[in-house]
């Protein structure tokens, strides 16, 4: 009996990885849902759709995009966290939900670490500072001068933590005071900027640059350390008047906690391959100036920890009280 037990135990040890491999190879067997914390048309929505199309071409399974905008990503994050841990629900998100929110709010309805398993980073990039063409400032330096002359008169909108923190950092480094107007998404803030309801915003290039190229908004600067290849004539905010200014954003994918390791591995492979595909490159990365940035699940976990610490320092330095 003892010998038989040992034999069965040995067989089980062989069978478990084989089952994991079979599970990995069979996945996906039905449509996958990408939950997106921001509205259609935003950069996060665009990257989700580009990746989804690539994964569908690879697996022959549909990828459904479920936009759950609002509440700084709370709604989408909650929904994804509570979904079955079977790999068929993936949160395509940004530093807003998984690095900044924990420092901007006293209590989150989700835990950005415990409620999720990291899959891979997806990309990173800079933002663009834009104003309505009727606004008198034609440069970052002129905008800062106006804001210093009349503290609190001019407003900036934001529809994500990245956008908000970019504006907060500008205030801190330029020693100016602006009125912050929050929105559910950057696209909604851009709409009000076009209509003259707000004076300025610093938004992702995917949302702001098309309006600049159409002549509907004026670009004052980009938030990255170097000029964007998509707008080489637009100076960095640092060189245009606020020396040392730099602020970026990143995208990443997460699955609900307790998703089987074999499925996590398969999702990582599919997402990394999709991010590096020619179709995603054409549909999103090149057109938005976003850098392809992929990782292993373990690397994303370490990156997220470092980013959360960095965003915490920015929030503290800006003197923002958690809501």
C-alpha atoms as a PDB file:
ATOM      1  CA  UNK A   1       0.000   0.000   0.000  1.00  0.00           C
ATOM      2  CA  UNK A   2       2.844   2.361   0.862  1.00  0.00           C
ATOM      3  CA  UNK A   3       4.528   1.664  -2.489  1.00  0.00           C
ATOM      4  CA  UNK A   4       1.237   2.229  -4.286  1.00  0.00           C
ATOM      5  CA  UNK A   5       0.711   5.567  -2.502  1.00  0.00           C
ATOM      6  CA  UNK A   6       4.178   6.716  -3.520  1.00  0.00           C
ATOM      7  CA  UNK A   7       3.462   5.704  -7.119  1.00  0.00           C
ATOM      8  CA  UNK A   8       0.178   7.619  -7.154  1.00  0.00           C
ATOM      9  CA  UNK A   9       1.863  10.693  -5.629  1.00  0.00           C
ATOM     10  CA  UNK A  10       4.558  10.594  -8.291  1.00  0.00           C
ATOM     11  CA  UNK A  11       1.921  10.301 -11.011  1.00  0.00           C
ATOM     12  CA  UNK A  12       0.076  13.288  -9.578  1.00  0.00           C
ATOM     13  CA  UNK A  13       3.248  15.377  -9.666  1.00  0.00           C
ATOM     14  CA  UNK A  14       3.590  14.600 -13.358  1.00  0.00           C
ATOM     15  CA  UNK A  15      -0.100  15.147 -14.093  1.00  0.00           C
ATOM     16  CA  UNK A  16      -0.431  18.635 -12.508  1.00  0.00           C
ATOM     17  CA  UNK A  17       1.976  20.408 -14.874  1.00  0.00           C
ATOM     18  CA  UNK A  18       0.506  18.479 -17.802  1.00  0.00           C
ATOM     19  CA  UNK A  19      -2.969  19.707 -16.861  1.00  0.00           C
ATOM     20  CA  UNK A  20      -1.608  23.255 -16.560  1.00  0.00           C
ATOM     21  CA  UNK A  21      -0.052  22.965 -20.003  1.00  0.00           C
ATOM     22  CA  UNK A  22      -3.297  21.644 -21.465  1.00  0.00           C
ATOM     23  CA  UNK A  23      -5.254  24.457 -19.825  1.00  0.00           C
ATOM     24  CA  UNK A  24      -2.803  26.984 -21.221  1.00  0.00           C
ATOM     25  CA  UNK A  25      -2.961  25.552 -24.740  1.00  0.00           C
ATOM     26  CA  UNK A  26      -6.787  25.423 -24.769  1.00  0.00           C
ATOM     27  CA  UNK A  27      -7.203  29.030 -23.588  1.00  0.00           C
ATOM     28  CA  UNK A  28      -9.135  30.967 -24.808  1.00  0.00           C
ATOM     29  CA  UNK A  29     -12.169  28.888 -25.734  1.00  0.00           C
ATOM     30  CA  UNK A  30     -14.649  31.783 -25.659  1.00  0.00           C
ATOM     31  CA  UNK A  31     -14.629  35.614 -25.941  1.00  0.00           C
ATOM     32  CA  UNK A  32     -12.384  37.632 -23.626  1.00  0.00           C
ATOM     33  CA  UNK A  33     -13.612  40.894 -22.111  1.00  0.00           C
ATOM     34  CA  UNK A  34     -11.239  43.847 -21.763  1.00  0.00           C
ATOM     35  CA  UNK A  35     -12.571  46.163 -19.045  1.00  0.00           C
ATOM     36  CA  UNK A  36     -11.393  49.750 -19.659  1.00  0.00           C
ATOM     37  CA  UNK A  37     -11.637  52.439 -16.928  1.00  0.00           C
ATOM     38  CA  UNK A  38     -12.021  55.290 -19.400  1.00  0.00           C
ATOM     39  CA  UNK A  39     -14.405  56.336 -22.166  1.00  0.00           C
ATOM     40  CA  UNK A  40     -14.312  55.359 -25.824  1.00  0.00           C
ATOM     41  CA  UNK A  41     -11.756  57.392 -27.742  1.00  0.00           C
ATOM     42  CA  UNK A  42      -9.285  57.739 -24.892  1.00  0.00           C
ATOM     43  CA  UNK A  43      -5.759  56.362 -25.232  1.00  0.00           C
ATOM     44  CA  UNK A  44      -6.576  53.430 -22.928  1.00  0.00           C
ATOM     45  CA  UNK A  45      -9.587  52.568 -25.045  1.00  0.00           C
ATOM     46  CA  UNK A  46      -7.525  52.810 -28.217  1.00  0.00           C
ATOM     47  CA  UNK A  47      -4.762  50.514 -26.984  1.00  0.00           C
ATOM     48  CA  UNK A  48      -7.346  48.000 -25.708  1.00  0.00           C
ATOM     49  CA  UNK A  49      -8.998  47.859 -29.129  1.00  0.00           C
ATOM     50  CA  UNK A  50      -5.687  47.563 -30.979  1.00  0.00           C
ATOM     51  CA  UNK A  51      -4.551  44.706 -28.730  1.00  0.00           C
ATOM     52  CA  UNK A  52      -7.960  43.061 -28.864  1.00  0.00           C
ATOM     53  CA  UNK A  53      -7.940  42.992 -32.660  1.00  0.00           C
ATOM     54  CA  UNK A  54      -4.490  41.398 -32.663  1.00  0.00           C
ATOM     55  CA  UNK A  55      -5.507  38.751 -30.119  1.00  0.00           C
ATOM     56  CA  UNK A  56      -8.645  37.941 -32.097  1.00  0.00           C
ATOM     57  CA  UNK A  57      -6.533  37.426 -35.219  1.00  0.00           C
ATOM     58  CA  UNK A  58      -4.250  35.117 -33.224  1.00  0.00           C
ATOM     59  CA  UNK A  59      -6.862  33.072 -31.326  1.00  0.00           C
ATOM     60  CA  UNK A  60      -9.989  33.410 -33.529  1.00  0.00           C
ATOM     61  CA  UNK A  61     -11.874  34.411 -30.384  1.00  0.00           C
ATOM     62  CA  UNK A  62     -13.601  37.827 -30.082  1.00  0.00           C
ATOM     63  CA  UNK A  63     -12.322  40.399 -27.584  1.00  0.00           C
ATOM     64  CA  UNK A  64     -15.119  42.553 -26.170  1.00  0.00           C
ATOM     65  CA  UNK A  65     -14.249  46.091 -25.017  1.00  0.00           C
ATOM     66  CA  UNK A  66     -16.267  47.132 -21.952  1.00  0.00           C
ATOM     67  CA  UNK A  67     -15.800  50.840 -21.172  1.00  0.00           C
ATOM     68  CA  UNK A  68     -16.630  51.615 -17.538  1.00  0.00           C
ATOM     69  CA  UNK A  69     -15.647  55.258 -17.270  1.00  0.00           C
ATOM     70  CA  UNK A  70     -15.909  57.392 -14.153  1.00  0.00           C
ATOM     71  CA  UNK A  71     -14.905  57.607 -10.512  1.00  0.00           C
ATOM     72  CA  UNK A  72     -11.183  57.699 -11.326  1.00  0.00           C
ATOM     73  CA  UNK A  73     -11.284  54.106 -12.508  1.00  0.00           C
ATOM     74  CA  UNK A  74     -13.098  52.751  -9.431  1.00  0.00           C
ATOM     75  CA  UNK A  75     -16.010  51.284 -11.406  1.00  0.00           C
ATOM     76  CA  UNK A  76     -13.882  49.343 -13.871  1.00  0.00           C
ATOM     77  CA  UNK A  77     -11.397  48.178 -11.250  1.00  0.00           C
ATOM     78  CA  UNK A  78     -14.144  46.884  -8.980  1.00  0.00           C
ATOM     79  CA  UNK A  79     -15.831  45.071 -11.841  1.00  0.00           C
ATOM     80  CA  UNK A  80     -12.603  43.409 -12.959  1.00  0.00           C
ATOM     81  CA  UNK A  81     -11.574  42.489  -9.422  1.00  0.00           C
ATOM     82  CA  UNK A  82     -14.904  40.755  -8.754  1.00  0.00           C
ATOM     83  CA  UNK A  83     -15.011  38.886 -12.081  1.00  0.00           C
ATOM     84  CA  UNK A  84     -14.435  35.107 -12.181  1.00  0.00           C
ATOM     85  CA  UNK A  85     -10.714  34.349 -11.981  1.00  0.00           C
ATOM     86  CA  UNK A  86     -10.709  32.352 -15.199  1.00  0.00           C
ATOM     87  CA  UNK A  87      -8.773  34.683 -17.489  1.00  0.00           C
ATOM     88  CA  UNK A  88     -11.779  35.810 -19.502  1.00  0.00           C
ATOM     89  CA  UNK A  89     -11.864  39.246 -17.850  1.00  0.00           C
ATOM     90  CA  UNK A  90      -8.796  41.475 -18.200  1.00  0.00           C
ATOM     91  CA  UNK A  91      -8.386  45.022 -16.903  1.00  0.00           C
ATOM     92  CA  UNK A  92      -6.576  47.231 -19.420  1.00  0.00           C
ATOM     93  CA  UNK A  93      -5.588  50.204 -17.301  1.00  0.00           C
ATOM     94  CA  UNK A  94      -3.009  52.842 -16.408  1.00  0.00           C
ATOM     95  CA  UNK A  95      -1.056  54.289 -13.516  1.00  0.00           C
ATOM     96  CA  UNK A  96      -4.305  56.039 -12.515  1.00  0.00           C
ATOM     97  CA  UNK A  97      -5.869  52.923 -10.966  1.00  0.00           C
ATOM     98  CA  UNK A  98      -2.698  51.063 -10.008  1.00  0.00           C
ATOM     99  CA  UNK A  99      -0.252  53.714  -8.777  1.00  0.00           C
ATOM    100  CA  UNK A 100      -1.902  57.099  -8.209  1.00  0.00           C
ATOM    101  CA  UNK A 101      -5.350  56.416  -6.755  1.00  0.00           C
ATOM    102  CA  UNK A 102      -4.104  54.920  -3.514  1.00  0.00           C
ATOM    103  CA  UNK A 103      -2.439  58.268  -2.752  1.00  0.00           C
ATOM    104  CA  UNK A 104      -5.308  60.463  -3.954  1.00  0.00           C
ATOM    105  CA  UNK A 105      -8.130  58.754  -2.059  1.00  0.00           C
ATOM    106  CA  UNK A 106      -8.388  57.784   1.589  1.00  0.00           C
ATOM    107  CA  UNK A 107     -10.255  54.589   0.817  1.00  0.00           C
ATOM    108  CA  UNK A 108     -10.417  52.585  -2.404  1.00  0.00           C
ATOM    109  CA  UNK A 109     -13.199  50.088  -3.189  1.00  0.00           C
ATOM    110  CA  UNK A 110     -10.496  47.772  -4.567  1.00  0.00           C
ATOM    111  CA  UNK A 111      -6.926  46.848  -3.667  1.00  0.00           C
ATOM    112  CA  UNK A 112      -4.549  47.500  -6.598  1.00  0.00           C
ATOM    113  CA  UNK A 113      -2.220  44.754  -5.354  1.00  0.00           C
ATOM    114  CA  UNK A 114      -4.254  42.100  -3.520  1.00  0.00           C
ATOM    115  CA  UNK A 115      -7.250  42.069  -5.893  1.00  0.00           C
ATOM    116  CA  UNK A 116      -5.231  41.519  -9.081  1.00  0.00           C
ATOM    117  CA  UNK A 117      -2.497  39.442 -10.653  1.00  0.00           C
ATOM    118  CA  UNK A 118      -0.185  41.402 -12.989  1.00  0.00           C
ATOM    119  CA  UNK A 119      -0.044  40.240 -16.611  1.00  0.00           C
ATOM    120  CA  UNK A 120       2.251  42.656 -18.467  1.00  0.00           C
ATOM    121  CA  UNK A 121       3.001  46.310 -19.004  1.00  0.00           C
ATOM    122  CA  UNK A 122       1.784  47.464 -22.419  1.00  0.00           C
ATOM    123  CA  UNK A 123       3.274  50.863 -23.178  1.00  0.00           C
ATOM    124  CA  UNK A 124       4.375  54.255 -21.874  1.00  0.00           C
ATOM    125  CA  UNK A 125       4.467  57.802 -23.170  1.00  0.00           C
ATOM    126  CA  UNK A 126       4.220  61.521 -22.534  1.00  0.00           C
ATOM    127  CA  UNK A 127       1.384  64.044 -22.533  1.00  0.00           C
ATOM    128  CA  UNK A 128       0.684  67.323 -24.305  1.00  0.00           C
ATOM    129  CA  UNK A 129      -0.249  70.699 -22.801  1.00  0.00           C
ATOM    130  CA  UNK A 130      -3.048  72.301 -24.833  1.00  0.00           C
ATOM    131  CA  UNK A 131      -5.178  75.443 -24.749  1.00  0.00           C
ATOM    132  CA  UNK A 132      -8.014  76.830 -26.846  1.00  0.00           C
ATOM    133  CA  UNK A 133      -6.652  78.829 -29.819  1.00  0.00           C
ATOM    134  CA  UNK A 134      -8.443  81.915 -28.475  1.00  0.00           C
ATOM    135  CA  UNK A 135      -6.442  81.770 -25.231  1.00  0.00           C
ATOM    136  CA  UNK A 136      -3.922  84.658 -25.120  1.00  0.00           C
ATOM    137  CA  UNK A 137      -0.886  82.543 -24.131  1.00  0.00           C
ATOM    138  CA  UNK A 138       1.064  81.161 -27.060  1.00  0.00           C
ATOM    139  CA  UNK A 139       3.780  79.452 -25.024  1.00  0.00           C
ATOM    140  CA  UNK A 140       4.293  77.770 -21.654  1.00  0.00           C
ATOM    141  CA  UNK A 141       6.213  80.819 -20.424  1.00  0.00           C
ATOM    142  CA  UNK A 142       3.332  83.139 -21.389  1.00  0.00           C
ATOM    143  CA  UNK A 143       0.802  80.833 -19.700  1.00  0.00           C
ATOM    144  CA  UNK A 144       2.869  80.821 -16.491  1.00  0.00           C
ATOM    145  CA  UNK A 145       3.168  84.627 -16.595  1.00  0.00           C
ATOM    146  CA  UNK A 146      -0.604  85.031 -16.915  1.00  0.00           C
ATOM    147  CA  UNK A 147      -1.255  82.547 -14.100  1.00  0.00           C
ATOM    148  CA  UNK A 148       1.212  84.328 -11.814  1.00  0.00           C
ATOM    149  CA  UNK A 149      -0.427  87.664 -12.523  1.00  0.00           C
ATOM    150  CA  UNK A 150      -3.887  86.429 -11.510  1.00  0.00           C
ATOM    151  CA  UNK A 151      -3.630  83.399  -9.157  1.00  0.00           C
ATOM    152  CA  UNK A 152      -6.655  81.093  -9.265  1.00  0.00           C
ATOM    153  CA  UNK A 153      -8.252  82.740 -12.303  1.00  0.00           C
ATOM    154  CA  UNK A 154      -7.282  80.109 -14.854  1.00  0.00           C
ATOM    155  CA  UNK A 155      -8.484  76.504 -14.821  1.00  0.00           C
ATOM    156  CA  UNK A 156      -7.147  73.177 -15.962  1.00  0.00           C
ATOM    157  CA  UNK A 157      -9.208  70.057 -16.622  1.00  0.00           C
ATOM    158  CA  UNK A 158      -8.310  66.414 -16.133  1.00  0.00           C
ATOM    159  CA  UNK A 159     -10.033  63.112 -16.765  1.00  0.00           C
ATOM    160  CA  UNK A 160      -7.373  60.821 -15.318  1.00  0.00           C
ATOM    161  CA  UNK A 161      -4.857  60.854 -12.493  1.00  0.00           C
ATOM    162  CA  UNK A 162      -2.027  61.216 -15.017  1.00  0.00           C
ATOM    163  CA  UNK A 163      -3.639  64.324 -16.434  1.00  0.00           C
ATOM    164  CA  UNK A 164      -4.409  65.744 -13.014  1.00  0.00           C
ATOM    165  CA  UNK A 165      -0.947  65.123 -11.618  1.00  0.00           C
ATOM    166  CA  UNK A 166       0.616  66.701 -14.687  1.00  0.00           C
ATOM    167  CA  UNK A 167      -1.313  69.869 -13.893  1.00  0.00           C
ATOM    168  CA  UNK A 168      -0.515  69.682 -10.192  1.00  0.00           C
ATOM    169  CA  UNK A 169       3.190  69.231 -10.911  1.00  0.00           C
ATOM    170  CA  UNK A 170       3.101  72.229 -13.262  1.00  0.00           C
ATOM    171  CA  UNK A 171       1.622  74.371 -10.487  1.00  0.00           C
ATOM    172  CA  UNK A 172       4.233  73.180  -8.038  1.00  0.00           C
ATOM    173  CA  UNK A 173       7.242  73.674 -10.302  1.00  0.00           C
ATOM    174  CA  UNK A 174       6.074  76.950 -11.907  1.00  0.00           C
ATOM    175  CA  UNK A 175       4.841  78.378  -8.593  1.00  0.00           C
ATOM    176  CA  UNK A 176       1.364  79.171  -9.921  1.00  0.00           C
ATOM    177  CA  UNK A 177      -2.178  78.562  -8.686  1.00  0.00           C
ATOM    178  CA  UNK A 178      -4.799  77.102 -11.042  1.00  0.00           C
ATOM    179  CA  UNK A 179      -8.373  75.896 -10.534  1.00  0.00           C
ATOM    180  CA  UNK A 180      -8.670  72.132 -11.055  1.00  0.00           C
ATOM    181  CA  UNK A 181     -11.831  70.897 -12.836  1.00  0.00           C
ATOM    182  CA  UNK A 182     -12.250  67.083 -12.750  1.00  0.00           C
ATOM    183  CA  UNK A 183     -13.902  65.036 -15.530  1.00  0.00           C
ATOM    184  CA  UNK A 184     -14.847  61.396 -16.000  1.00  0.00           C
ATOM    185  CA  UNK A 185     -12.467  61.135 -18.954  1.00  0.00           C
ATOM    186  CA  UNK A 186      -9.949  63.232 -20.864  1.00  0.00           C
ATOM    187  CA  UNK A 187     -12.184  63.285 -23.933  1.00  0.00           C
ATOM    188  CA  UNK A 188     -14.902  65.061 -21.935  1.00  0.00           C
ATOM    189  CA  UNK A 189     -12.358  67.587 -20.664  1.00  0.00           C
ATOM    190  CA  UNK A 190     -11.171  68.203 -24.239  1.00  0.00           C
ATOM    191  CA  UNK A 191     -14.784  68.860 -25.280  1.00  0.00           C
ATOM    192  CA  UNK A 192     -15.080  71.597 -22.651  1.00  0.00           C
ATOM    193  CA  UNK A 193     -11.672  72.978 -23.595  1.00  0.00           C
ATOM    194  CA  UNK A 194     -12.852  73.246 -27.204  1.00  0.00           C
ATOM    195  CA  UNK A 195     -15.941  75.060 -25.949  1.00  0.00           C
ATOM    196  CA  UNK A 196     -14.003  77.460 -23.752  1.00  0.00           C
ATOM    197  CA  UNK A 197     -15.355  76.181 -20.424  1.00  0.00           C
ATOM    198  CA  UNK A 198     -11.828  75.505 -19.131  1.00  0.00           C
ATOM    199  CA  UNK A 199      -8.539  77.172 -20.037  1.00  0.00           C
ATOM    200  CA  UNK A 200      -5.949  74.386 -20.259  1.00  0.00           C
ATOM    201  CA  UNK A 201      -5.273  70.706 -19.848  1.00  0.00           C
ATOM    202  CA  UNK A 202      -2.344  68.315 -20.088  1.00  0.00           C
ATOM    203  CA  UNK A 203      -3.648  65.179 -21.746  1.00  0.00           C
ATOM    204  CA  UNK A 204      -2.389  62.057 -23.481  1.00  0.00           C
ATOM    205  CA  UNK A 205      -1.216  62.605 -27.043  1.00  0.00           C
ATOM    206  CA  UNK A 206      -3.808  60.177 -28.405  1.00  0.00           C
ATOM    207  CA  UNK A 207      -6.575  62.476 -27.161  1.00  0.00           C
ATOM    208  CA  UNK A 208      -5.016  65.905 -27.626  1.00  0.00           C
ATOM    209  CA  UNK A 209      -2.799  65.698 -30.697  1.00  0.00           C
ATOM    210  CA  UNK A 210      -5.569  65.077 -33.270  1.00  0.00           C
ATOM    211  CA  UNK A 211      -7.259  68.296 -32.083  1.00  0.00           C
ATOM    212  CA  UNK A 212      -3.964  70.164 -32.398  1.00  0.00           C
ATOM    213  CA  UNK A 213      -3.387  68.886 -35.927  1.00  0.00           C
ATOM    214  CA  UNK A 214      -6.947  69.870 -36.838  1.00  0.00           C
ATOM    215  CA  UNK A 215      -6.258  73.415 -35.629  1.00  0.00           C
ATOM    216  CA  UNK A 216      -8.887  73.191 -32.893  1.00  0.00           C
ATOM    217  CA  UNK A 217      -6.396  73.361 -30.005  1.00  0.00           C
ATOM    218  CA  UNK A 218      -2.998  74.992 -29.555  1.00  0.00           C
ATOM    219  CA  UNK A 219      -0.121  72.910 -28.179  1.00  0.00           C
ATOM    220  CA  UNK A 220       2.167  74.704 -25.740  1.00  0.00           C
ATOM    221  CA  UNK A 221       4.466  71.834 -24.781  1.00  0.00           C
ATOM    222  CA  UNK A 222       4.918  68.112 -24.228  1.00  0.00           C
ATOM    223  CA  UNK A 223       5.457  66.601 -20.800  1.00  0.00           C
ATOM    224  CA  UNK A 224       8.200  64.136 -21.758  1.00  0.00           C
ATOM    225  CA  UNK A 225      11.932  64.750 -21.419  1.00  0.00           C
ATOM    226  CA  UNK A 226      12.332  64.834 -25.216  1.00  0.00           C
ATOM    227  CA  UNK A 227      10.168  66.223 -28.003  1.00  0.00           C
ATOM    228  CA  UNK A 228       7.600  63.900 -29.533  1.00  0.00           C
ATOM    229  CA  UNK A 229       8.364  62.556 -33.022  1.00  0.00           C
ATOM    230  CA  UNK A 230       4.679  63.162 -33.780  1.00  0.00           C
ATOM    231  CA  UNK A 231       4.984  66.879 -32.981  1.00  0.00           C
ATOM    232  CA  UNK A 232       8.660  67.826 -33.391  1.00  0.00           C
ATOM    233  CA  UNK A 233       7.857  71.542 -33.521  1.00  0.00           C
ATOM    234  CA  UNK A 234       6.260  71.479 -30.066  1.00  0.00           C
ATOM    235  CA  UNK A 235       8.876  72.083 -27.339  1.00  0.00           C
ATOM    236  CA  UNK A 236       9.014  70.166 -24.091  1.00  0.00           C
ATOM    237  CA  UNK A 237       7.430  71.963 -21.132  1.00  0.00           C
ATOM    238  CA  UNK A 238      10.896  71.942 -19.584  1.00  0.00           C
ATOM    239  CA  UNK A 239      12.549  73.819 -22.440  1.00  0.00           C
ATOM    240  CA  UNK A 240       9.506  76.081 -22.921  1.00  0.00           C
ATOM    241  CA  UNK A 241       9.493  77.643 -19.476  1.00  0.00           C
ATOM    242  CA  UNK A 242       9.403  75.157 -16.554  1.00  0.00           C
ATOM    243  CA  UNK A 243      12.905  73.720 -16.347  1.00  0.00           C
ATOM    244  CA  UNK A 244      13.138  70.108 -15.195  1.00  0.00           C
ATOM    245  CA  UNK A 245       9.455  69.359 -15.747  1.00  0.00           C
ATOM    246  CA  UNK A 246       8.715  65.761 -16.779  1.00  0.00           C
ATOM    247  CA  UNK A 247       5.599  63.628 -16.418  1.00  0.00           C
ATOM    248  CA  UNK A 248       4.541  60.462 -18.206  1.00  0.00           C
ATOM    249  CA  UNK A 249       1.975  57.661 -18.111  1.00  0.00           C
ATOM    250  CA  UNK A 250       1.882  53.903 -18.647  1.00  0.00           C
ATOM    251  CA  UNK A 251      -0.538  51.171 -19.622  1.00  0.00           C
ATOM    252  CA  UNK A 252      -0.721  47.655 -18.165  1.00  0.00           C
ATOM    253  CA  UNK A 253      -2.957  44.593 -18.028  1.00  0.00           C
ATOM    254  CA  UNK A 254      -4.223  42.780 -14.924  1.00  0.00           C
ATOM    255  CA  UNK A 255      -6.423  39.748 -14.247  1.00  0.00           C
ATOM    256  CA  UNK A 256      -8.471  39.029 -11.107  1.00  0.00           C
ATOM    257  CA  UNK A 257      -6.505  37.575  -8.197  1.00  0.00           C
ATOM    258  CA  UNK A 258      -6.275  33.754  -8.111  1.00  0.00           C
ATOM    259  CA  UNK A 259      -6.350  33.435 -11.898  1.00  0.00           C
ATOM    260  CA  UNK A 260      -4.573  30.088 -12.606  1.00  0.00           C
ATOM    261  CA  UNK A 261      -0.824  30.455 -13.323  1.00  0.00           C
ATOM    262  CA  UNK A 262      -1.166  28.625 -16.665  1.00  0.00           C
ATOM    263  CA  UNK A 263      -3.813  31.121 -17.802  1.00  0.00           C
ATOM    264  CA  UNK A 264      -1.714  34.050 -16.550  1.00  0.00           C
ATOM    265  CA  UNK A 265       1.196  32.757 -18.612  1.00  0.00           C
ATOM    266  CA  UNK A 266      -0.980  32.385 -21.696  1.00  0.00           C
ATOM    267  CA  UNK A 267      -2.468  35.880 -21.303  1.00  0.00           C
ATOM    268  CA  UNK A 268       1.014  37.324 -20.890  1.00  0.00           C
ATOM    269  CA  UNK A 269       2.129  35.628 -24.116  1.00  0.00           C
ATOM    270  CA  UNK A 270      -0.929  36.826 -26.046  1.00  0.00           C
ATOM    271  CA  UNK A 271      -0.702  40.417 -24.800  1.00  0.00           C
ATOM    272  CA  UNK A 272       3.053  40.741 -25.326  1.00  0.00           C
ATOM    273  CA  UNK A 273       2.742  39.347 -28.852  1.00  0.00           C
ATOM    274  CA  UNK A 274      -0.187  41.678 -29.556  1.00  0.00           C
ATOM    275  CA  UNK A 275       1.724  44.732 -28.306  1.00  0.00           C
ATOM    276  CA  UNK A 276       4.610  43.908 -30.628  1.00  0.00           C
ATOM    277  CA  UNK A 277       2.406  43.135 -33.638  1.00  0.00           C
ATOM    278  CA  UNK A 278       2.462  45.243 -36.783  1.00  0.00           C
ATOM    279  CA  UNK A 279      -1.293  45.787 -36.560  1.00  0.00           C
ATOM    280  CA  UNK A 280      -1.083  47.284 -33.046  1.00  0.00           C
ATOM    281  CA  UNK A 281       1.967  49.299 -34.069  1.00  0.00           C
ATOM    282  CA  UNK A 282       0.026  50.853 -36.937  1.00  0.00           C
ATOM    283  CA  UNK A 283      -3.311  51.200 -35.146  1.00  0.00           C
ATOM    284  CA  UNK A 284      -2.020  52.667 -31.890  1.00  0.00           C
ATOM    285  CA  UNK A 285       1.654  52.899 -30.982  1.00  0.00           C
ATOM    286  CA  UNK A 286       2.978  54.860 -33.961  1.00  0.00           C
ATOM    287  CA  UNK A 287      -0.059  57.119 -34.272  1.00  0.00           C
ATOM    288  CA  UNK A 288       0.043  58.145 -30.586  1.00  0.00           C
ATOM    289  CA  UNK A 289       3.790  58.226 -30.000  1.00  0.00           C
ATOM    290  CA  UNK A 290       3.470  55.516 -27.351  1.00  0.00           C
ATOM    291  CA  UNK A 291       6.509  53.347 -26.676  1.00  0.00           C
ATOM    292  CA  UNK A 292       5.977  49.574 -26.654  1.00  0.00           C
ATOM    293  CA  UNK A 293       6.785  48.466 -23.101  1.00  0.00           C
ATOM    294  CA  UNK A 294       6.158  44.836 -22.128  1.00  0.00           C
ATOM    295  CA  UNK A 295       7.163  42.805 -19.072  1.00  0.00           C
ATOM    296  CA  UNK A 296       6.750  39.499 -17.303  1.00  0.00           C
ATOM    297  CA  UNK A 297       4.081  39.418 -14.558  1.00  0.00           C
ATOM    298  CA  UNK A 298       6.859  39.553 -11.947  1.00  0.00           C
ATOM    299  CA  UNK A 299       8.510  42.547 -13.598  1.00  0.00           C
ATOM    300  CA  UNK A 300       5.193  44.405 -13.737  1.00  0.00           C
ATOM    301  CA  UNK A 301       4.670  43.804 -10.006  1.00  0.00           C
ATOM    302  CA  UNK A 302       8.058  45.370  -9.215  1.00  0.00           C
ATOM    303  CA  UNK A 303       7.470  48.239 -11.644  1.00  0.00           C
ATOM    304  CA  UNK A 304       4.053  48.956 -10.110  1.00  0.00           C
ATOM    305  CA  UNK A 305       5.548  49.106  -6.618  1.00  0.00           C
ATOM    306  CA  UNK A 306       8.227  51.586  -7.714  1.00  0.00           C
ATOM    307  CA  UNK A 307       5.669  53.690  -9.606  1.00  0.00           C
ATOM    308  CA  UNK A 308       3.289  53.790  -6.636  1.00  0.00           C
ATOM    309  CA  UNK A 309       6.114  55.105  -4.455  1.00  0.00           C
ATOM    310  CA  UNK A 310       6.977  57.747  -7.070  1.00  0.00           C
ATOM    311  CA  UNK A 311       3.367  58.920  -7.426  1.00  0.00           C
ATOM    312  CA  UNK A 312       3.100  59.058  -3.645  1.00  0.00           C
ATOM    313  CA  UNK A 313       6.041  61.445  -3.531  1.00  0.00           C
ATOM    314  CA  UNK A 314       4.489  63.663  -6.228  1.00  0.00           C
ATOM    315  CA  UNK A 315       1.136  63.830  -4.426  1.00  0.00           C
ATOM    316  CA  UNK A 316       2.847  64.715  -1.159  1.00  0.00           C
ATOM    317  CA  UNK A 317       5.060  67.352  -2.755  1.00  0.00           C
ATOM    318  CA  UNK A 318       2.009  68.896  -4.450  1.00  0.00           C
ATOM    319  CA  UNK A 319       0.288  69.143  -1.083  1.00  0.00           C
ATOM    320  CA  UNK A 320      -2.793  67.249  -2.259  1.00  0.00           C
ATOM    321  CA  UNK A 321      -5.059  66.037   0.520  1.00  0.00           C
ATOM    322  CA  UNK A 322      -6.553  62.589  -0.078  1.00  0.00           C
ATOM    323  CA  UNK A 323     -10.273  62.768  -0.784  1.00  0.00           C
END
